[in-house]
PDB file of N, CA and C in Angstrom:
ATOM      1  N   MET A   1      -4.031 -10.181 -15.694  1.00  0.00           N
ATOM      2  CA  MET A   1      -5.047  -9.464 -14.916  1.00  0.00           C
ATOM      3  C   MET A   1      -5.521 -10.353 -13.778  1.00  0.00           C
ATOM      4  N   SER A   2      -5.711  -9.759 -12.621  1.00  0.00           N
ATOM      5  CA  SER A   2      -6.276 -10.496 -11.501  1.00  0.00           C
ATOM      6  C   SER A   2      -7.543  -9.795 -11.038  1.00  0.00           C
ATOM      7  N   LYS A   3      -8.383 -10.543 -10.357  1.00  0.00           N
ATOM      8  CA  LYS A   3      -9.627  -9.959  -9.849  1.00  0.00           C
ATOM      9  C   LYS A   3      -9.335  -8.862  -8.826  1.00  0.00           C
ATOM     10  N   LEU A   4      -8.230  -9.028  -8.089  1.00  0.00           N
ATOM     11  CA  LEU A   4      -7.896  -8.061  -7.055  1.00  0.00           C
ATOM     12  C   LEU A   4      -7.144  -6.845  -7.600  1.00  0.00           C
ATOM     13  N   ARG A   5      -6.479  -7.003  -8.741  1.00  0.00           N
ATOM     14  CA  ARG A   5      -5.748  -5.883  -9.346  1.00  0.00           C
ATOM     15  C   ARG A   5      -5.984  -5.892 -10.851  1.00  0.00           C
ATOM     16  N   PRO A   6      -7.185  -5.509 -11.272  1.00  0.00           N
ATOM     17  CA  PRO A   6      -7.524  -5.561 -12.696  1.00  0.00           C
ATOM     18  C   PRO A   6      -6.715  -4.571 -13.533  1.00  0.00           C
ATOM     19  N   ASP A   7      -6.651  -4.849 -14.832  1.00  0.00           N
ATOM     20  CA  ASP A   7      -5.868  -4.030 -15.755  1.00  0.00           C
ATOM     21  C   ASP A   7      -6.286  -2.567 -15.776  1.00  0.00           C
ATOM     22  N   TYR A   8      -7.562  -2.282 -15.509  1.00  0.00           N
ATOM     23  CA  TYR A   8      -7.993  -0.887 -15.607  1.00  0.00           C
ATOM     24  C   TYR A   8      -7.394   0.000 -14.522  1.00  0.00           C
ATOM     25  N   TYR A   9      -6.679  -0.569 -13.563  1.00  0.00           N
ATOM     26  CA  TYR A   9      -5.958   0.227 -12.570  1.00  0.00           C
ATOM     27  C   TYR A   9      -4.579   0.657 -13.075  1.00  0.00           C
ATOM     28  N   HIS A  10      -4.195   0.187 -14.249  1.00  0.00           N
ATOM     29  CA  HIS A  10      -2.899   0.516 -14.820  1.00  0.00           C
ATOM     30  C   HIS A  10      -3.052   1.554 -15.919  1.00  0.00           C
ATOM     31  N   GLY A  11      -2.099   2.503 -15.974  1.00  0.00           N
ATOM     32  CA  GLY A  11      -2.092   3.491 -17.034  1.00  0.00           C
ATOM     33  C   GLY A  11      -1.488   2.909 -18.296  1.00  0.00           C
ATOM     34  N   ALA A  12      -1.431   3.714 -19.339  1.00  0.00           N
ATOM     35  CA  ALA A  12      -0.868   3.279 -20.620  1.00  0.00           C
ATOM     36  C   ALA A  12       0.602   2.875 -20.470  1.00  0.00           C
ATOM     37  N   ASP A  13       1.279   3.430 -19.472  1.00  0.00           N
ATOM     38  CA  ASP A  13       2.684   3.099 -19.233  1.00  0.00           C
ATOM     39  C   ASP A  13       2.866   1.821 -18.419  1.00  0.00           C
ATOM     40  N   GLY A  14       1.756   1.181 -18.032  1.00  0.00           N
ATOM     41  CA  GLY A  14       1.827  -0.059 -17.264  1.00  0.00           C
ATOM     42  C   GLY A  14       1.893   0.138 -15.765  1.00  0.00           C
ATOM     43  N   LYS A  15       2.017   1.385 -15.311  1.00  0.00           N
ATOM     44  CA  LYS A  15       2.106   1.666 -13.878  1.00  0.00           C
ATOM     45  C   LYS A  15       0.711   1.768 -13.270  1.00  0.00           C
ATOM     46  N   ASP A  16       0.577   1.246 -12.049  1.00  0.00           N
ATOM     47  CA  ASP A  16      -0.680   1.397 -11.330  1.00  0.00           C
ATOM     48  C   ASP A  16      -0.514   2.471 -10.258  1.00  0.00           C
ATOM     49  N   LEU A  17      -1.541   2.707  -9.489  1.00  0.00           N
ATOM     50  CA  LEU A  17      -1.462   3.755  -8.459  1.00  0.00           C
ATOM     51  C   LEU A  17      -0.404   3.444  -7.408  1.00  0.00           C
ATOM     52  N   PHE A  18      -0.239   2.163  -7.059  1.00  0.00           N
ATOM     53  CA  PHE A  18       0.810   1.807  -6.098  1.00  0.00           C
ATOM     54  C   PHE A  18       2.159   2.326  -6.600  1.00  0.00           C
ATOM     55  N   ASP A  19       2.451   2.060  -7.857  1.00  0.00           N
ATOM     56  CA  ASP A  19       3.722   2.499  -8.444  1.00  0.00           C
ATOM     57  C   ASP A  19       3.856   4.017  -8.380  1.00  0.00           C
ATOM     58  N   ARG A  20       2.778   4.706  -8.690  1.00  0.00           N
ATOM     59  CA  ARG A  20       2.817   6.169  -8.695  1.00  0.00           C
ATOM     60  C   ARG A  20       2.986   6.742  -7.283  1.00  0.00           C
ATOM     61  N   PHE A  21       2.270   6.175  -6.317  1.00  0.00           N
ATOM     62  CA  PHE A  21       2.415   6.628  -4.930  1.00  0.00           C
ATOM     63  C   PHE A  21       3.856   6.473  -4.473  1.00  0.00           C
ATOM     64  N   GLU A  22       4.424   5.292  -4.730  1.00  0.00           N
ATOM     65  CA  GLU A  22       5.770   4.984  -4.272  1.00  0.00           C
ATOM     66  C   GLU A  22       6.846   5.777  -5.005  1.00  0.00           C
ATOM     67  N   ALA A  23       6.547   6.230  -6.220  1.00  0.00           N
ATOM     68  CA  ALA A  23       7.518   6.974  -7.015  1.00  0.00           C
ATOM     69  C   ALA A  23       7.583   8.452  -6.636  1.00  0.00           C
ATOM     70  N   GLY A  24       6.759   8.885  -5.691  1.00  0.00           N
ATOM     71  CA  GLY A  24       6.850  10.257  -5.225  1.00  0.00           C
ATOM     72  C   GLY A  24       5.562  11.039  -5.218  1.00  0.00           C
ATOM     73  N   MET A  25       4.481  10.453  -5.696  1.00  0.00           N
ATOM     74  CA  MET A  25       3.197  11.154  -5.643  1.00  0.00           C
ATOM     75  C   MET A  25       2.802  11.408  -4.189  1.00  0.00           C
ATOM     76  N   MET A  26       3.254  10.516  -3.297  1.00  0.00           N
ATOM     77  CA  MET A  26       2.993  10.636  -1.861  1.00  0.00           C
ATOM     78  C   MET A  26       4.323  10.564  -1.117  1.00  0.00           C
ATOM     79  N   SER A  27       4.355  11.138   0.073  1.00  0.00           N
ATOM     80  CA  SER A  27       5.546  10.994   0.911  1.00  0.00           C
ATOM     81  C   SER A  27       5.644   9.551   1.406  1.00  0.00           C
ATOM     82  N   ARG A  28       6.782   9.207   1.957  1.00  0.00           N
ATOM     83  CA  ARG A  28       6.987   7.867   2.496  1.00  0.00           C
ATOM     84  C   ARG A  28       5.928   7.539   3.539  1.00  0.00           C
ATOM     85  N   ASP A  29       5.692   8.439   4.472  1.00  0.00           N
ATOM     86  CA  ASP A  29       4.700   8.198   5.520  1.00  0.00           C
ATOM     87  C   ASP A  29       3.285   8.077   4.960  1.00  0.00           C
ATOM     88  N   GLU A  30       2.987   8.855   3.940  1.00  0.00           N
ATOM     89  CA  GLU A  30       1.661   8.753   3.325  1.00  0.00           C
ATOM     90  C   GLU A  30       1.468   7.387   2.662  1.00  0.00           C
ATOM     91  N   VAL A  31       2.495   6.895   1.987  1.00  0.00           N
ATOM     92  CA  VAL A  31       2.411   5.571   1.355  1.00  0.00           C
ATOM     93  C   VAL A  31       2.196   4.501   2.420  1.00  0.00           C
ATOM     94  N   VAL A  32       2.997   4.547   3.481  1.00  0.00           N
ATOM     95  CA  VAL A  32       2.873   3.559   4.561  1.00  0.00           C
ATOM     96  C   VAL A  32       1.490   3.648   5.200  1.00  0.00           C
ATOM     97  N   GLY A  33       1.012   4.854   5.460  1.00  0.00           N
ATOM     98  CA  GLY A  33      -0.317   5.035   6.050  1.00  0.00           C
ATOM     99  C   GLY A  33      -1.428   4.528   5.144  1.00  0.00           C
ATOM    100  N   PHE A  34      -1.291   4.758   3.848  1.00  0.00           N
ATOM    101  CA  PHE A  34      -2.271   4.267   2.878  1.00  0.00           C
ATOM    102  C   PHE A  34      -2.348   2.743   2.932  1.00  0.00           C
ATOM    103  N   TYR A  35      -1.184   2.100   2.909  1.00  0.00           N
ATOM    104  CA  TYR A  35      -1.169   0.634   2.959  1.00  0.00           C
ATOM    105  C   TYR A  35      -1.731   0.118   4.279  1.00  0.00           C
ATOM    106  N   LYS A  36      -1.321   0.697   5.395  1.00  0.00           N
ATOM    107  CA  LYS A  36      -1.826   0.250   6.703  1.00  0.00           C
ATOM    108  C   LYS A  36      -3.337   0.438   6.814  1.00  0.00           C
ATOM    109  N   GLY A  37      -3.829   1.575   6.370  1.00  0.00           N
ATOM    110  CA  GLY A  37      -5.265   1.835   6.434  1.00  0.00           C
ATOM    111  C   GLY A  37      -6.068   0.818   5.650  1.00  0.00           C
ATOM    112  N   ASN A  38      -5.579   0.466   4.472  1.00  0.00           N
ATOM    113  CA  ASN A  38      -6.285  -0.522   3.658  1.00  0.00           C
ATOM    114  C   ASN A  38      -6.179  -1.922   4.233  1.00  0.00           C
ATOM    115  N   ILE A  39      -5.056  -2.249   4.839  1.00  0.00           N
ATOM    116  CA  ILE A  39      -4.918  -3.546   5.516  1.00  0.00           C
ATOM    117  C   ILE A  39      -5.972  -3.660   6.613  1.00  0.00           C
ATOM    118  N   ILE A  40      -6.055  -2.648   7.441  1.00  0.00           N
ATOM    119  CA  ILE A  40      -7.031  -2.647   8.545  1.00  0.00           C
ATOM    120  C   ILE A  40      -8.453  -2.732   7.998  1.00  0.00           C
ATOM    121  N   LYS A  41      -8.759  -1.926   6.985  1.00  0.00           N
ATOM    122  CA  LYS A  41     -10.101  -1.905   6.401  1.00  0.00           C
ATOM    123  C   LYS A  41     -10.525  -3.289   5.936  1.00  0.00           C
ATOM    124  N   TYR A  42      -9.686  -3.939   5.158  1.00  0.00           N
ATOM    125  CA  TYR A  42     -10.077  -5.228   4.594  1.00  0.00           C
ATOM    126  C   TYR A  42     -10.139  -6.338   5.627  1.00  0.00           C
ATOM    127  N   VAL A  43      -9.259  -6.315   6.614  1.00  0.00           N
ATOM    128  CA  VAL A  43      -9.306  -7.346   7.659  1.00  0.00           C
ATOM    129  C   VAL A  43     -10.552  -7.168   8.521  1.00  0.00           C
ATOM    130  N   VAL A  44     -10.852  -5.941   8.899  1.00  0.00           N
ATOM    131  CA  VAL A  44     -11.997  -5.681   9.764  1.00  0.00           C
ATOM    132  C   VAL A  44     -13.320  -6.007   9.071  1.00  0.00           C
ATOM    133  N   ARG A  45     -13.444  -5.701   7.807  1.00  0.00           N
ATOM    134  CA  ARG A  45     -14.732  -5.870   7.143  1.00  0.00           C
ATOM    135  C   ARG A  45     -14.953  -7.246   6.526  1.00  0.00           C
ATOM    136  N   HIS A  46     -13.950  -8.103   6.503  1.00  0.00           N
ATOM    137  CA  HIS A  46     -14.061  -9.347   5.739  1.00  0.00           C
ATOM    138  C   HIS A  46     -15.222 -10.231   6.175  1.00  0.00           C
ATOM    139  N   GLU A  47     -15.502 -10.293   7.470  1.00  0.00           N
ATOM    140  CA  GLU A  47     -16.580 -11.176   7.931  1.00  0.00           C
ATOM    141  C   GLU A  47     -17.965 -10.682   7.520  1.00  0.00           C
ATOM    142  N   GLY A  48     -18.129  -9.379   7.423  1.00  0.00           N
ATOM    143  CA  GLY A  48     -19.443  -8.840   7.119  1.00  0.00           C
ATOM    144  C   GLY A  48     -19.650  -8.446   5.667  1.00  0.00           C
ATOM    145  N   LYS A  49     -18.606  -8.563   4.850  1.00  0.00           N
ATOM    146  CA  LYS A  49     -18.775  -8.101   3.474  1.00  0.00           C
ATOM    147  C   LYS A  49     -18.347  -9.162   2.462  1.00  0.00           C
ATOM    148  N   ASN A  50     -17.071  -9.246   2.159  1.00  0.00           N
ATOM    149  CA  ASN A  50     -16.631 -10.096   1.051  1.00  0.00           C
ATOM    150  C   ASN A  50     -15.820 -11.319   1.467  1.00  0.00           C
ATOM    151  N   GLY A  51     -15.768 -11.612   2.743  1.00  0.00           N
ATOM    152  CA  GLY A  51     -15.105 -12.819   3.217  1.00  0.00           C
ATOM    153  C   GLY A  51     -13.658 -12.951   2.782  1.00  0.00           C
ATOM    154  N   VAL A  52     -13.324 -14.109   2.254  1.00  0.00           N
ATOM    155  CA  VAL A  52     -11.947 -14.428   1.886  1.00  0.00           C
ATOM    156  C   VAL A  52     -11.413 -13.474   0.821  1.00  0.00           C
ATOM    157  N   GLU A  53     -12.274 -12.964  -0.042  1.00  0.00           N
ATOM    158  CA  GLU A  53     -11.826 -12.000  -1.054  1.00  0.00           C
ATOM    159  C   GLU A  53     -11.198 -10.778  -0.396  1.00  0.00           C
ATOM    160  N   ASP A  54     -11.808 -10.270   0.676  1.00  0.00           N
ATOM    161  CA  ASP A  54     -11.241  -9.123   1.380  1.00  0.00           C
ATOM    162  C   ASP A  54      -9.923  -9.477   2.056  1.00  0.00           C
ATOM    163  N   LEU A  55      -9.788 -10.695   2.555  1.00  0.00           N
ATOM    164  CA  LEU A  55      -8.509 -11.110   3.132  1.00  0.00           C
ATOM    165  C   LEU A  55      -7.433 -11.158   2.053  1.00  0.00           C
ATOM    166  N   GLY A  56      -7.808 -11.548   0.851  1.00  0.00           N
ATOM    167  CA  GLY A  56      -6.870 -11.514  -0.272  1.00  0.00           C
ATOM    168  C   GLY A  56      -6.415 -10.104  -0.589  1.00  0.00           C
ATOM    169  N   LYS A  57      -7.349  -9.165  -0.507  1.00  0.00           N
ATOM    170  CA  LYS A  57      -7.002  -7.763  -0.737  1.00  0.00           C
ATOM    171  C   LYS A  57      -6.059  -7.267   0.356  1.00  0.00           C
ATOM    172  N   ALA A  58      -6.336  -7.619   1.609  1.00  0.00           N
ATOM    173  CA  ALA A  58      -5.451  -7.232   2.709  1.00  0.00           C
ATOM    174  C   ALA A  58      -4.057  -7.805   2.490  1.00  0.00           C
ATOM    175  N   LYS A  59      -3.996  -9.039   2.010  1.00  0.00           N
ATOM    176  CA  LYS A  59      -2.710  -9.692   1.758  1.00  0.00           C
ATOM    177  C   LYS A  59      -1.899  -8.927   0.715  1.00  0.00           C
ATOM    178  N   ILE A  60      -2.565  -8.439  -0.328  1.00  0.00           N
ATOM    179  CA  ILE A  60      -1.868  -7.653  -1.357  1.00  0.00           C
ATOM    180  C   ILE A  60      -1.251  -6.407  -0.736  1.00  0.00           C
ATOM    181  N   TYR A  61      -2.014  -5.729   0.125  1.00  0.00           N
ATOM    182  CA  TYR A  61      -1.492  -4.525   0.771  1.00  0.00           C
ATOM    183  C   TYR A  61      -0.355  -4.856   1.735  1.00  0.00           C
ATOM    184  N   ILE A  62      -0.441  -5.960   2.449  1.00  0.00           N
ATOM    185  CA  ILE A  62       0.641  -6.371   3.352  1.00  0.00           C
ATOM    186  C   ILE A  62       1.908  -6.661   2.547  1.00  0.00           C
ATOM    187  N   GLU A  63       1.755  -7.392   1.458  1.00  0.00           N
ATOM    188  CA  GLU A  63       2.918  -7.713   0.631  1.00  0.00           C
ATOM    189  C   GLU A  63       3.535  -6.463   0.026  1.00  0.00           C
ATOM    190  N   ARG A  64       2.690  -5.568  -0.443  1.00  0.00           N
ATOM    191  CA  ARG A  64       3.209  -4.340  -1.047  1.00  0.00           C
ATOM    192  C   ARG A  64       3.895  -3.472   0.005  1.00  0.00           C
ATOM    193  N   LEU A  65       3.338  -3.395   1.210  1.00  0.00           N
ATOM    194  CA  LEU A  65       3.961  -2.649   2.298  1.00  0.00           C
ATOM    195  C   LEU A  65       5.320  -3.244   2.646  1.00  0.00           C
ATOM    196  N   ALA A  66       5.395  -4.557   2.746  1.00  0.00           N
ATOM    197  CA  ALA A  66       6.663  -5.216   3.070  1.00  0.00           C
ATOM    198  C   ALA A  66       7.711  -4.928   1.994  1.00  0.00           C
ATOM    199  N   GLU A  67       7.324  -5.005   0.730  1.00  0.00           N
ATOM    200  CA  GLU A  67       8.245  -4.715  -0.373  1.00  0.00           C
ATOM    201  C   GLU A  67       8.697  -3.259  -0.327  1.00  0.00           C
ATOM    202  N   PHE A  68       7.757  -2.353  -0.070  1.00  0.00           N
ATOM    203  CA  PHE A  68       8.081  -0.929  -0.004  1.00  0.00           C
ATOM    204  C   PHE A  68       9.033  -0.646   1.147  1.00  0.00           C
ATOM    205  N   GLU A  69       8.759  -1.210   2.314  1.00  0.00           N
ATOM    206  CA  GLU A  69       9.619  -0.988   3.476  1.00  0.00           C
ATOM    207  C   GLU A  69      11.017  -1.552   3.246  1.00  0.00           C
ATOM    208  N   GLU A  70      11.099  -2.725   2.652  1.00  0.00           N
ATOM    209  CA  GLU A  70      12.405  -3.317   2.382  1.00  0.00           C
ATOM    210  C   GLU A  70      13.198  -2.468   1.390  1.00  0.00           C
ATOM    211  N   ALA A  71      12.549  -2.008   0.341  1.00  0.00           N
ATOM    212  CA  ALA A  71      13.221  -1.206  -0.681  1.00  0.00           C
ATOM    213  C   ALA A  71      13.605   0.179  -0.173  1.00  0.00           C
ATOM    214  N   ASN A  72      12.921   0.660   0.860  1.00  0.00           N
ATOM    215  CA  ASN A  72      13.127   2.036   1.334  1.00  0.00           C
ATOM    216  C   ASN A  72      13.575   2.105   2.788  1.00  0.00           C
ATOM    217  N   LYS A  73      14.184   1.044   3.289  1.00  0.00           N
ATOM    218  CA  LYS A  73      14.516   1.022   4.719  1.00  0.00           C
ATOM    219  C   LYS A  73      15.485   2.118   5.136  1.00  0.00           C
ATOM    220  N   ASN A  74      16.238   2.687   4.202  1.00  0.00           N
ATOM    221  CA  ASN A  74      17.157   3.771   4.536  1.00  0.00           C
ATOM    222  C   ASN A  74      16.672   5.132   4.059  1.00  0.00           C
ATOM    223  N   ASP A  75      15.457   5.177   3.501  1.00  0.00           N
ATOM    224  CA  ASP A  75      14.885   6.412   2.964  1.00  0.00           C
ATOM    225  C   ASP A  75      14.120   7.130   4.070  1.00  0.00           C
ATOM    226  N   LYS A  76      14.530   8.327   4.383  1.00  0.00           N
ATOM    227  CA  LYS A  76      13.881   9.088   5.454  1.00  0.00           C
ATOM    228  C   LYS A  76      12.973  10.181   4.914  1.00  0.00           C
ATOM    229  N   ARG A  77      12.740  10.211   3.577  1.00  0.00           N
ATOM    230  CA  ARG A  77      11.929  11.293   3.010  1.00  0.00           C
ATOM    231  C   ARG A  77      10.517  11.257   3.583  1.00  0.00           C
ATOM    232  N   GLY A  78      10.083  12.363   4.077  1.00  0.00           N
ATOM    233  CA  GLY A  78       8.706  12.474   4.526  1.00  0.00           C
ATOM    234  C   GLY A  78       8.373  11.648   5.749  1.00  0.00           C
ATOM    235  N   SER A  79       9.376  11.202   6.482  1.00  0.00           N
ATOM    236  CA  SER A  79       9.100  10.352   7.628  1.00  0.00           C
ATOM    237  C   SER A  79       9.113  11.165   8.910  1.00  0.00           C
ATOM    238  N   ILE A  80       7.951  11.310   9.530  1.00  0.00           N
ATOM    239  CA  ILE A  80       7.874  12.052  10.784  1.00  0.00           C
ATOM    240  C   ILE A  80       8.493  11.257  11.924  1.00  0.00           C
ATOM    241  N   ARG A  81       8.550   9.937  11.791  1.00  0.00           N
ATOM    242  CA  ARG A  81       9.122   9.092  12.840  1.00  0.00           C
ATOM    243  C   ARG A  81      10.598   9.380  13.044  1.00  0.00           C
ATOM    244  N   ASP A  82      11.285   9.777  11.970  1.00  0.00           N
ATOM    245  CA  ASP A  82      12.723   9.949  12.045  1.00  0.00           C
ATOM    246  C   ASP A  82      13.141  11.423  12.136  1.00  0.00           C
ATOM    247  N   ASN A  83      12.190  12.306  12.255  1.00  0.00           N
ATOM    248  CA  ASN A  83      12.491  13.730  12.311  1.00  0.00           C
ATOM    249  C   ASN A  83      12.351  14.319  13.711  1.00  0.00           C
ATOM    250  N   THR A  84      12.289  13.468  14.702  1.00  0.00           N
ATOM    251  CA  THR A  84      12.163  13.967  16.076  1.00  0.00           C
ATOM    252  C   THR A  84      13.547  14.163  16.668  1.00  0.00           C
ATOM    253  N   SER A  85      13.678  15.150  17.523  1.00  0.00           N
ATOM    254  CA  SER A  85      14.973  15.389  18.169  1.00  0.00           C
ATOM    255  C   SER A  85      14.952  14.823  19.564  1.00  0.00           C
ATOM    256  N   ASP A  86      16.123  14.469  20.049  1.00  0.00           N
ATOM    257  CA  ASP A  86      16.247  13.879  21.394  1.00  0.00           C
ATOM    258  C   ASP A  86      16.221  14.928  22.463  1.00  0.00           C
TER     259      ASP A  86
END
């Protein structure tokens, strides 16, 4: 258990919300947007709220986004970026 990702965020199957979002609860773009939004939130608020703790939270979202993008670099499901015509 970590302070940034406590056990109560995990279900009985050991999966947390990140796992569920990435497994199809959300589209690819929704997952990416969720991670980006939280990265921005924690970086912007760190000076006025929780300091380095918020930067740690942003780091978790950055790492998870990088892992998700690497694992899904050829996955076009739900991606509006790749559905435009020339």
